Amino acid sequence: HPNRAFDRLRALDPIGLMIPNWRFFAPFPARHDYHVLYRT
């Protein structure tokens, strides 16, 4: 769940191997792209 209050459940897994983190986006997902342009 995106609400960080549910992260307390991860305390049940101190090693971090039994409860996976499948959140697909970081806390602030990217909302744009970048291009790199050049001129000579």
All heavy atoms as atom14 arrays in JSON, in Angstrom:
{
  "sequence": "HPNRAFDRLRALDPIGLMIPNWRFFAPFPARHDYHVLYRT",
  "atom14_mask": [
    [1, 1, 1, 1, 1, 1, 1, 1, 1, 1, 0, 0, 0, 0],
    [1, 1, 1, 1, 1, 1, 1, 0, 0, 0, 0, 0, 0, 0],
    [1, 1, 1, 1, 1, 1, 1, 1, 0, 0, 0, 0, 0, 0],
    [1, 1, 1, 1, 1, 1, 1, 1, 1, 1, 1, 0, 0, 0],
    [1, 1, 1, 1, 1, 0, 0, 0, 0, 0, 0, 0, 0, 0],
    [1, 1, 1, 1, 1, 1, 1, 1, 1, 1, 1, 0, 0, 0],
    [1, 1, 1, 1, 1, 1, 1, 1, 0, 0, 0, 0, 0, 0],
    [1, 1, 1, 1, 1, 1, 1, 1, 1, 1, 1, 0, 0, 0],
    [1, 1, 1, 1, 1, 1, 1, 1, 0, 0, 0, 0, 0, 0],
    [1, 1, 1, 1, 1, 1, 1, 1, 1, 1, 1, 0, 0, 0],
    [1, 1, 1, 1, 1, 0, 0, 0, 0, 0, 0, 0, 0, 0],
    [1, 1, 1, 1, 1, 1, 1, 1, 0, 0, 0, 0, 0, 0],
    [1, 1, 1, 1, 1, 1, 1, 1, 0, 0, 0, 0, 0, 0],
    [1, 1, 1, 1, 1, 1, 1, 0, 0, 0, 0, 0, 0, 0],
    [1, 1, 1, 1, 1, 1, 1, 1, 0, 0, 0, 0, 0, 0],
    [1, 1, 1, 1, 0, 0, 0, 0, 0, 0, 0, 0, 0, 0],
    [1, 1, 1, 1, 1, 1, 1, 1, 0, 0, 0, 0, 0, 0],
    [1, 1, 1, 1, 1, 1, 1, 1, 0, 0, 0, 0, 0, 0],
    [1, 1, 1, 1, 1, 1, 1, 1, 0, 0, 0, 0, 0, 0],
    [1, 1, 1, 1, 1, 1, 1, 0, 0, 0, 0, 0, 0, 0],
    [1, 1, 1, 1, 1, 1, 1, 1, 0, 0, 0, 0, 0, 0],
    [1, 1, 1, 1, 1, 1, 1, 1, 1, 1, 1, 1, 1, 1],
    [1, 1, 1, 1, 1, 1, 1, 1, 1, 1, 1, 0, 0, 0],
    [1, 1, 1, 1, 1, 1, 1, 1, 1, 1, 1, 0, 0, 0],
    [1, 1, 1, 1, 1, 1, 1, 1, 1, 1, 1, 0, 0, 0],
    [1, 1, 1, 1, 1, 0, 0, 0, 0, 0, 0, 0, 0, 0],
    [1, 1, 1, 1, 1, 1, 1, 0, 0, 0, 0, 0, 0, 0],
    [1, 1, 1, 1, 1, 1, 1, 1, 1, 1, 1, 0, 0, 0],
    [1, 1, 1, 1, 1, 1, 1, 0, 0, 0, 0, 0, 0, 0],
    [1, 1, 1, 1, 1, 0, 0, 0, 0, 0, 0, 0, 0, 0],
    [1, 1, 1, 1, 1, 1, 1, 1, 1, 1, 1, 0, 0, 0],
    [1, 1, 1, 1, 1, 1, 1, 1, 1, 1, 0, 0, 0, 0],
    [1, 1, 1, 1, 1, 1, 1, 1, 0, 0, 0, 0, 0, 0],
    [1, 1, 1, 1, 1, 1, 1, 1, 1, 1, 1, 1, 0, 0],
    [1, 1, 1, 1, 1, 1, 1, 1, 1, 1, 0, 0, 0, 0],
    [1, 1, 1, 1, 1, 1, 1, 0, 0, 0, 0, 0, 0, 0],
    [1, 1, 1, 1, 1, 1, 1, 1, 0, 0, 0, 0, 0, 0],
    [1, 1, 1, 1, 1, 1, 1, 1, 1, 1, 1, 1, 0, 0],
    [1, 1, 1, 1, 1, 1, 1, 1, 1, 1, 1, 0, 0, 0],
    [1, 1, 1, 1, 1, 1, 1, 0, 0, 0, 0, 0, 0, 0]
  ],
  "atom14_positions": [
    [[0.84, -1.19, 0.0], [0.0, 0.0, 0.0], [0.88, 1.25, 0.0], [1.9, 1.31, 0.68], [-0.91, -0.02, 1.24], [-2.02, 0.95, 1.15], [-1.87, 2.28, 1.41], [-3.33, 0.79, 0.81], [-3.01, 2.9, 1.25], [-3.92, 2.01, 0.88], [0.0, 0.0, 0.0], [0.0, 0.0, 0.0], [0.0, 0.0, 0.0], [0.0, 0.0, 0.0]],
    [[0.5, 2.3, -0.77], [1.33, 3.52, -0.82], [1.43, 4.25, 0.51], [2.41, 4.96, 0.75], [0.64, 4.4, -1.85], [-0.38, 3.56, -2.51], [-0.6, 2.34, -1.7], [0.0, 0.0, 0.0], [0.0, 0.0, 0.0], [0.0, 0.0, 0.0], [0.0, 0.0, 0.0], [0.0, 0.0, 0.0], [0.0, 0.0, 0.0], [0.0, 0.0, 0.0]],
    [[0.44, 4.08, 1.38], [0.49, 4.73, 2.68], [1.6, 4.1, 3.51], [1.62, 2.89, 3.75], [-0.86, 4.58, 3.39], [-0.93, 5.37, 4.67], [0.08, 5.67, 5.29], [-2.14, 5.71, 5.08], [0.0, 0.0, 0.0], [0.0, 0.0, 0.0], [0.0, 0.0, 0.0], [0.0, 0.0, 0.0], [0.0, 0.0, 0.0], [0.0, 0.0, 0.0]],
    [[2.53, 4.9, 3.95], [3.71, 4.39, 4.66], [3.37, 3.8, 6.05], [4.22, 3.18, 6.67], [4.77, 5.48, 4.8], [5.36, 5.91, 3.47], [6.08, 4.78, 2.85], [6.6, 5.14, 1.55], [7.29, 4.35, 0.79], [7.53, 3.12, 1.15], [7.72, 4.74, -0.37], [0.0, 0.0, 0.0], [0.0, 0.0, 0.0], [0.0, 0.0, 0.0]],
    [[2.15, 3.99, 6.51], [1.76, 3.4, 7.79], [1.81, 1.87, 7.7], [2.07, 1.19, 8.7], [0.36, 3.86, 8.18], [0.0, 0.0, 0.0], [0.0, 0.0, 0.0], [0.0, 0.0, 0.0], [0.0, 0.0, 0.0], [0.0, 0.0, 0.0], [0.0, 0.0, 0.0], [0.0, 0.0, 0.0], [0.0, 0.0, 0.0], [0.0, 0.0, 0.0]],
    [[1.58, 1.33, 6.5], [1.61, -0.12, 6.32], [3.04, -0.67, 6.32], [3.23, -1.88, 6.34], [0.9, -0.51, 5.03], [-0.59, -0.32, 5.1], [-1.18, 0.82, 4.61], [-1.39, -1.3, 5.68], [-2.55, 0.99, 4.69], [-2.76, -1.14, 5.75], [-3.34, 0.02, 5.26], [0.0, 0.0, 0.0], [0.0, 0.0, 0.0], [0.0, 0.0, 0.0]],
    [[4.04, 0.21, 6.27], [5.43, -0.25, 6.31], [5.78, -0.9, 7.65], [6.78, -1.59, 7.76], [6.4, 0.9, 6.03], [6.48, 1.21, 4.54], [5.97, 0.4, 3.74], [7.05, 2.25, 4.19], [0.0, 0.0, 0.0], [0.0, 0.0, 0.0], [0.0, 0.0, 0.0], [0.0, 0.0, 0.0], [0.0, 0.0, 0.0], [0.0, 0.0, 0.0]],
    [[4.96, -0.65, 8.67], [5.22, -1.26, 9.97], [5.16, -2.79, 9.9], [5.78, -3.48, 10.69], [4.21, -0.75, 11.01], [4.55, 0.66, 11.46], [3.61, 1.1, 12.53], [2.68, 2.02, 11.87], [1.45, 2.24, 12.24], [0.96, 1.62, 13.28], [0.69, 3.09, 11.62], [0.0, 0.0, 0.0], [0.0, 0.0, 0.0], [0.0, 0.0, 0.0]],
    [[4.44, -3.28, 8.91], [4.37, -4.74, 8.73], [5.74, -5.31, 8.36], [6.03, -6.47, 8.62], [3.36, -5.09, 7.64], [1.91, -4.75, 7.96], [1.04, -4.93, 6.73], [1.41, -5.61, 9.11], [0.0, 0.0, 0.0], [0.0, 0.0, 0.0], [0.0, 0.0, 0.0], [0.0, 0.0, 0.0], [0.0, 0.0, 0.0], [0.0, 0.0, 0.0]],
    [[6.58, -4.5, 7.76], [7.92, -4.96, 7.4], [8.79, -5.24, 8.62], [9.8, -5.93, 8.51], [8.61, -3.95, 6.5], [7.92, -3.82, 5.18], [8.78, -3.07, 4.2], [8.02, -2.79, 3.02], [7.7, -3.69, 2.1], [8.11, -4.91, 2.23], [6.97, -3.37, 1.06], [0.0, 0.0, 0.0], [0.0, 0.0, 0.0], [0.0, 0.0, 0.0]],
    [[8.4, -4.72, 9.76], [9.14, -5.01, 11.0], [9.05, -6.5, 11.34], [9.9, -7.02, 12.07], [8.59, -4.17, 12.15], [0.0, 0.0, 0.0], [0.0, 0.0, 0.0], [0.0, 0.0, 0.0], [0.0, 0.0, 0.0], [0.0, 0.0, 0.0], [0.0, 0.0, 0.0], [0.0, 0.0, 0.0], [0.0, 0.0, 0.0], [0.0, 0.0, 0.0]],
    [[8.04, -7.17, 10.79], [7.92, -8.62, 11.01], [9.01, -9.39, 10.26], [9.22, -10.56, 10.52], [6.54, -9.11, 10.53], [5.33, -8.48, 11.22], [4.05, -8.91, 10.52], [5.31, -8.87, 12.69], [0.0, 0.0, 0.0], [0.0, 0.0, 0.0], [0.0, 0.0, 0.0], [0.0, 0.0, 0.0], [0.0, 0.0, 0.0], [0.0, 0.0, 0.0]],
    [[9.67, -8.72, 9.33], [10.71, -9.35, 8.52], [11.99, -8.53, 8.65], [12.33, -7.74, 7.78], [10.25, -9.4, 7.05], [11.24, -10.09, 6.14], [12.12, -10.81, 6.64], [11.14, -9.9, 4.92], [0.0, 0.0, 0.0], [0.0, 0.0, 0.0], [0.0, 0.0, 0.0], [0.0, 0.0, 0.0], [0.0, 0.0, 0.0], [0.0, 0.0, 0.0]],
    [[12.74, -8.71, 9.74], [13.93, -7.86, 9.96], [15.02, -8.04, 8.92], [15.8, -7.14, 8.66], [14.42, -8.29, 11.35], [13.8, -9.62, 11.6], [12.54, -9.68, 10.79], [0.0, 0.0, 0.0], [0.0, 0.0, 0.0], [0.0, 0.0, 0.0], [0.0, 0.0, 0.0], [0.0, 0.0, 0.0], [0.0, 0.0, 0.0], [0.0, 0.0, 0.0]],
    [[15.09, -9.19, 8.27], [16.11, -9.42, 7.26], [15.68, -8.85, 5.91], [16.51, -8.5, 5.08], [16.4, -10.94, 7.12], [16.91, -11.47, 8.45], [17.41, -11.21, 6.03], [17.09, -12.97, 8.47], [0.0, 0.0, 0.0], [0.0, 0.0, 0.0], [0.0, 0.0, 0.0], [0.0, 0.0, 0.0], [0.0, 0.0, 0.0], [0.0, 0.0, 0.0]],
    [[14.38, -8.73, 5.69], [13.88, -8.17, 4.45], [13.77, -9.17, 3.31], [13.75, -8.78, 2.15], [0.0, 0.0, 0.0], [0.0, 0.0, 0.0], [0.0, 0.0, 0.0], [0.0, 0.0, 0.0], [0.0, 0.0, 0.0], [0.0, 0.0, 0.0], [0.0, 0.0, 0.0], [0.0, 0.0, 0.0], [0.0, 0.0, 0.0], [0.0, 0.0, 0.0]],
    [[13.7, -10.44, 3.62], [13.62, -11.46, 2.58], [12.23, -12.07, 2.42], [11.91, -12.6, 1.36], [14.61, -12.6, 2.87], [16.08, -12.22, 2.82], [16.93, -13.4, 3.25], [16.46, -11.76, 1.45], [0.0, 0.0, 0.0], [0.0, 0.0, 0.0], [0.0, 0.0, 0.0], [0.0, 0.0, 0.0], [0.0, 0.0, 0.0], [0.0, 0.0, 0.0]],
    [[11.42, -12.03, 3.45], [10.14, -12.73, 3.41], [8.98, -11.85, 2.91], [8.02, -12.37, 2.37], [9.8, -13.28, 4.79], [10.78, -14.32, 5.28], [10.93, -15.73, 4.18], [9.31, -16.42, 4.32], [0.0, 0.0, 0.0], [0.0, 0.0, 0.0], [0.0, 0.0, 0.0], [0.0, 0.0, 0.0], [0.0, 0.0, 0.0], [0.0, 0.0, 0.0]],
    [[9.06, -10.55, 3.13], [7.98, -9.66, 2.7], [8.53, -8.79, 1.57], [9.27, -7.84, 1.8], [7.47, -8.78, 3.86], [6.99, -9.68, 5.01], [6.35, -7.88, 3.37], [6.58, -8.91, 6.25], [0.0, 0.0, 0.0], [0.0, 0.0, 0.0], [0.0, 0.0, 0.0], [0.0, 0.0, 0.0], [0.0, 0.0, 0.0], [0.0, 0.0, 0.0]],
    [[8.18, -9.12, 0.33], [8.72, -8.36, -0.81], [8.14, -6.96, -0.9], [7.04, -6.69, -0.4], [8.32, -9.21, -2.01], [7.15, -10.0, -1.56], [7.31, -10.21, -0.09], [0.0, 0.0, 0.0], [0.0, 0.0, 0.0], [0.0, 0.0, 0.0], [0.0, 0.0, 0.0], [0.0, 0.0, 0.0], [0.0, 0.0, 0.0], [0.0, 0.0, 0.0]],
    [[8.88, -6.08, -1.54], [8.42, -4.73, -1.8], [8.2, -4.62, -3.3], [9.14, -4.48, -4.06], [9.45, -3.7, -1.32], [8.94, -2.29, -1.47], [7.85, -2.06, -1.98], [9.73, -1.35, -1.03], [0.0, 0.0, 0.0], [0.0, 0.0, 0.0], [0.0, 0.0, 0.0], [0.0, 0.0, 0.0], [0.0, 0.0, 0.0], [0.0, 0.0, 0.0]],
    [[6.96, -4.68, -3.72], [6.63, -4.65, -5.14], [6.04, -3.33, -5.56], [5.34, -3.25, -6.56], [5.63, -5.76, -5.47], [6.19, -7.12, -5.37], [7.48, -7.51, -5.61], [5.49, -8.31, -5.02], [7.63, -8.84, -5.42], [6.41, -9.38, -5.06], [4.18, -8.59, -4.68], [6.06, -10.67, -4.78], [3.84, -9.88, -4.4], [4.76, -10.91, -4.45]],
    [[6.29, -2.28, -4.83], [5.79, -0.98, -5.26], [6.46, -0.64, -6.59], [7.67, -0.72, -6.72], [6.09, 0.09, -4.23], [5.27, -0.06, -2.99], [5.54, 1.1, -2.05], [4.83, 0.91, -0.82], [5.4, 0.72, 0.36], [6.71, 0.68, 0.46], [4.67, 0.56, 1.43], [0.0, 0.0, 0.0], [0.0, 0.0, 0.0], [0.0, 0.0, 0.0]],
    [[5.66, -0.25, -7.54], [6.21, -0.06, -8.88], [6.83, 1.32, -9.08], [7.57, 1.53, -10.02], [5.13, -0.3, -9.93], [4.73, -1.73, -10.0], [3.51, -2.15, -9.53], [5.6, -2.67, -10.51], [3.15, -3.48, -9.6], [5.27, -4.01, -10.58], [4.03, -4.4, -10.12], [0.0, 0.0, 0.0], [0.0, 0.0, 0.0], [0.0, 0.0, 0.0]],
    [[6.55, 2.26, -8.21], [7.09, 3.59, -8.39], [7.7, 4.06, -7.07], [7.27, 3.66, -6.0], [6.0, 4.58, -8.82], [5.37, 4.19, -10.12], [4.12, 3.62, -10.15], [6.05, 4.37, -11.31], [3.54, 3.25, -11.35], [5.49, 4.0, -12.51], [4.22, 3.44, -12.53], [0.0, 0.0, 0.0], [0.0, 0.0, 0.0], [0.0, 0.0, 0.0]],
    [[8.67, 4.92, -7.21], [9.29, 5.52, -6.03], [8.26, 6.43, -5.36], [7.18, 6.66, -5.91], [10.51, 6.31, -6.46], [0.0, 0.0, 0.0], [0.0, 0.0, 0.0], [0.0, 0.0, 0.0], [0.0, 0.0, 0.0], [0.0, 0.0, 0.0], [0.0, 0.0, 0.0], [0.0, 0.0, 0.0], [0.0, 0.0, 0.0], [0.0, 0.0, 0.0]],
    [[8.6, 6.98, -4.21], [7.63, 7.88, -3.56], [7.22, 9.04, -4.46], [6.12, 9.54, -4.38], [8.38, 8.4, -2.33], [9.44, 7.39, -2.08], [9.78, 6.77, -3.39], [0.0, 0.0, 0.0], [0.0, 0.0, 0.0], [0.0, 0.0, 0.0], [0.0, 0.0, 0.0], [0.0, 0.0, 0.0], [0.0, 0.0, 0.0], [0.0, 0.0, 0.0]],
    [[8.09, 9.47, -5.36], [7.79, 10.54, -6.3], [8.06, 10.03, -7.71], [9.17, 10.16, -8.21], [8.64, 11.78, -6.0], [8.51, 12.25, -4.59], [9.52, 12.01, -3.68], [7.37, 12.9, -4.16], [9.4, 12.43, -2.37], [7.24, 13.31, -2.86], [8.26, 13.08, -1.96], [0.0, 0.0, 0.0], [0.0, 0.0, 0.0], [0.0, 0.0, 0.0]],
    [[7.07, 9.42, -8.35], [7.31, 8.85, -9.68], [7.66, 9.93, -10.7], [7.24, 11.08, -10.58], [5.98, 8.18, -10.02], [4.98, 8.82, -9.14], [5.69, 9.29, -7.92], [0.0, 0.0, 0.0], [0.0, 0.0, 0.0], [0.0, 0.0, 0.0], [0.0, 0.0, 0.0], [0.0, 0.0, 0.0], [0.0, 0.0, 0.0], [0.0, 0.0, 0.0]],
    [[8.43, 9.55, -11.71], [8.81, 10.49, -12.76], [7.58, 10.89, -13.55], [6.75, 10.05, -13.9], [9.84, 9.84, -13.67], [0.0, 0.0, 0.0], [0.0, 0.0, 0.0], [0.0, 0.0, 0.0], [0.0, 0.0, 0.0], [0.0, 0.0, 0.0], [0.0, 0.0, 0.0], [0.0, 0.0, 0.0], [0.0, 0.0, 0.0], [0.0, 0.0, 0.0]],
    [[7.49, 12.17, -13.84], [6.35, 12.68, -14.6], [6.8, 13.32, -15.91], [6.02, 13.99, -16.57], [5.59, 13.7, -13.76], [4.92, 13.07, -12.56], [4.06, 14.07, -11.81], [3.33, 13.43, -10.77], [3.73, 13.39, -9.5], [4.86, 13.94, -9.15], [3.0, 12.77, -8.6], [0.0, 0.0, 0.0], [0.0, 0.0, 0.0], [0.0, 0.0, 0.0]],
    [[8.06, 13.13, -16.24], [8.6, 13.72, -17.44], [9.82, 12.93, -17.91], [10.31, 12.08, -17.18], [8.98, 15.18, -17.2], [9.89, 15.35, -16.03], [9.43, 15.62, -14.77], [11.23, 15.22, -15.91], [10.46, 15.67, -13.94], [11.55, 15.42, -14.6], [0.0, 0.0, 0.0], [0.0, 0.0, 0.0], [0.0, 0.0, 0.0], [0.0, 0.0, 0.0]],
    [[10.27, 13.23, -19.1], [11.48, 12.61, -19.65], [12.48, 13.71, -19.95], [12.16, 14.89, -19.95], [11.15, 11.87, -20.95], [10.35, 10.61, -20.71], [10.62, 9.94, -19.69], [9.48, 10.28, -21.53], [0.0, 0.0, 0.0], [0.0, 0.0, 0.0], [0.0, 0.0, 0.0], [0.0, 0.0, 0.0], [0.0, 0.0, 0.0], [0.0, 0.0, 0.0]],
    [[13.7, 13.29, -20.21], [14.76, 14.22, -20.6], [15.31, 13.83, -21.96], [15.39, 12.65, -22.3], [15.92, 14.17, -19.59], [15.62, 14.81, -18.26], [15.22, 14.03, -17.18], [15.76, 16.17, -18.08], [14.97, 14.61, -15.95], [15.51, 16.76, -16.84], [15.11, 15.96, -15.8], [14.85, 16.54, -14.58], [0.0, 0.0, 0.0], [0.0, 0.0, 0.0]],
    [[15.69, 14.84, -22.71], [16.46, 14.64, -23.94], [17.77, 15.38, -23.75], [17.82, 16.45, -23.15], [15.75, 15.25, -25.15], [14.76, 14.36, -25.78], [15.07, 13.14, -26.32], [13.43, 14.51, -25.96], [13.99, 12.59, -26.81], [12.97, 13.4, -26.59], [0.0, 0.0, 0.0], [0.0, 0.0, 0.0], [0.0, 0.0, 0.0], [0.0, 0.0, 0.0]],
    [[18.83, 14.81, -24.28], [20.12, 15.48, -24.32], [20.36, 15.85, -25.77], [20.38, 14.98, -26.65], [21.26, 14.59, -23.79], [22.58, 15.31, -23.86], [20.95, 14.14, -22.37], [0.0, 0.0, 0.0], [0.0, 0.0, 0.0], [0.0, 0.0, 0.0], [0.0, 0.0, 0.0], [0.0, 0.0, 0.0], [0.0, 0.0, 0.0], [0.0, 0.0, 0.0]],
    [[20.5, 17.14, -26.03], [20.77, 17.65, -27.36], [22.19, 18.21, -27.39], [22.74, 18.58, -26.34], [19.78, 18.75, -27.75], [18.3, 18.41, -27.65], [17.45, 19.65, -27.96], [17.93, 17.29, -28.58], [0.0, 0.0, 0.0], [0.0, 0.0, 0.0], [0.0, 0.0, 0.0], [0.0, 0.0, 0.0], [0.0, 0.0, 0.0], [0.0, 0.0, 0.0]],
    [[22.76, 18.3, -28.57], [24.07, 18.93, -28.69], [24.17, 19.69, -29.99], [23.42, 19.44, -30.94], [25.19, 17.89, -28.59], [25.34, 17.01, -29.81], [26.23, 17.36, -30.83], [24.62, 15.83, -29.94], [26.36, 16.56, -31.95], [24.75, 15.03, -31.05], [25.62, 15.39, -32.06], [25.76, 14.6, -33.16], [0.0, 0.0, 0.0], [0.0, 0.0, 0.0]],
    [[25.05, 20.64, -30.02], [25.41, 21.31, -31.26], [26.92, 21.45, -31.28], [27.57, 21.49, -30.23], [24.71, 22.65, -31.43], [25.06, 23.69, -30.4], [24.31, 24.97, -30.69], [24.5, 25.93, -29.63], [23.93, 27.12, -29.62], [23.13, 27.49, -30.6], [24.15, 27.95, -28.62], [0.0, 0.0, 0.0], [0.0, 0.0, 0.0], [0.0, 0.0, 0.0]],
    [[27.45, 21.52, -32.46], [28.9, 21.56, -32.61], [29.34, 22.92, -33.12], [28.56, 23.69, -33.68], [29.36, 20.47, -33.59], [28.69, 20.65, -34.84], [29.08, 19.08, -33.04], [0.0, 0.0, 0.0], [0.0, 0.0, 0.0], [0.0, 0.0, 0.0], [0.0, 0.0, 0.0], [0.0, 0.0, 0.0], [0.0, 0.0, 0.0], [0.0, 0.0, 0.0]]
  ]
}
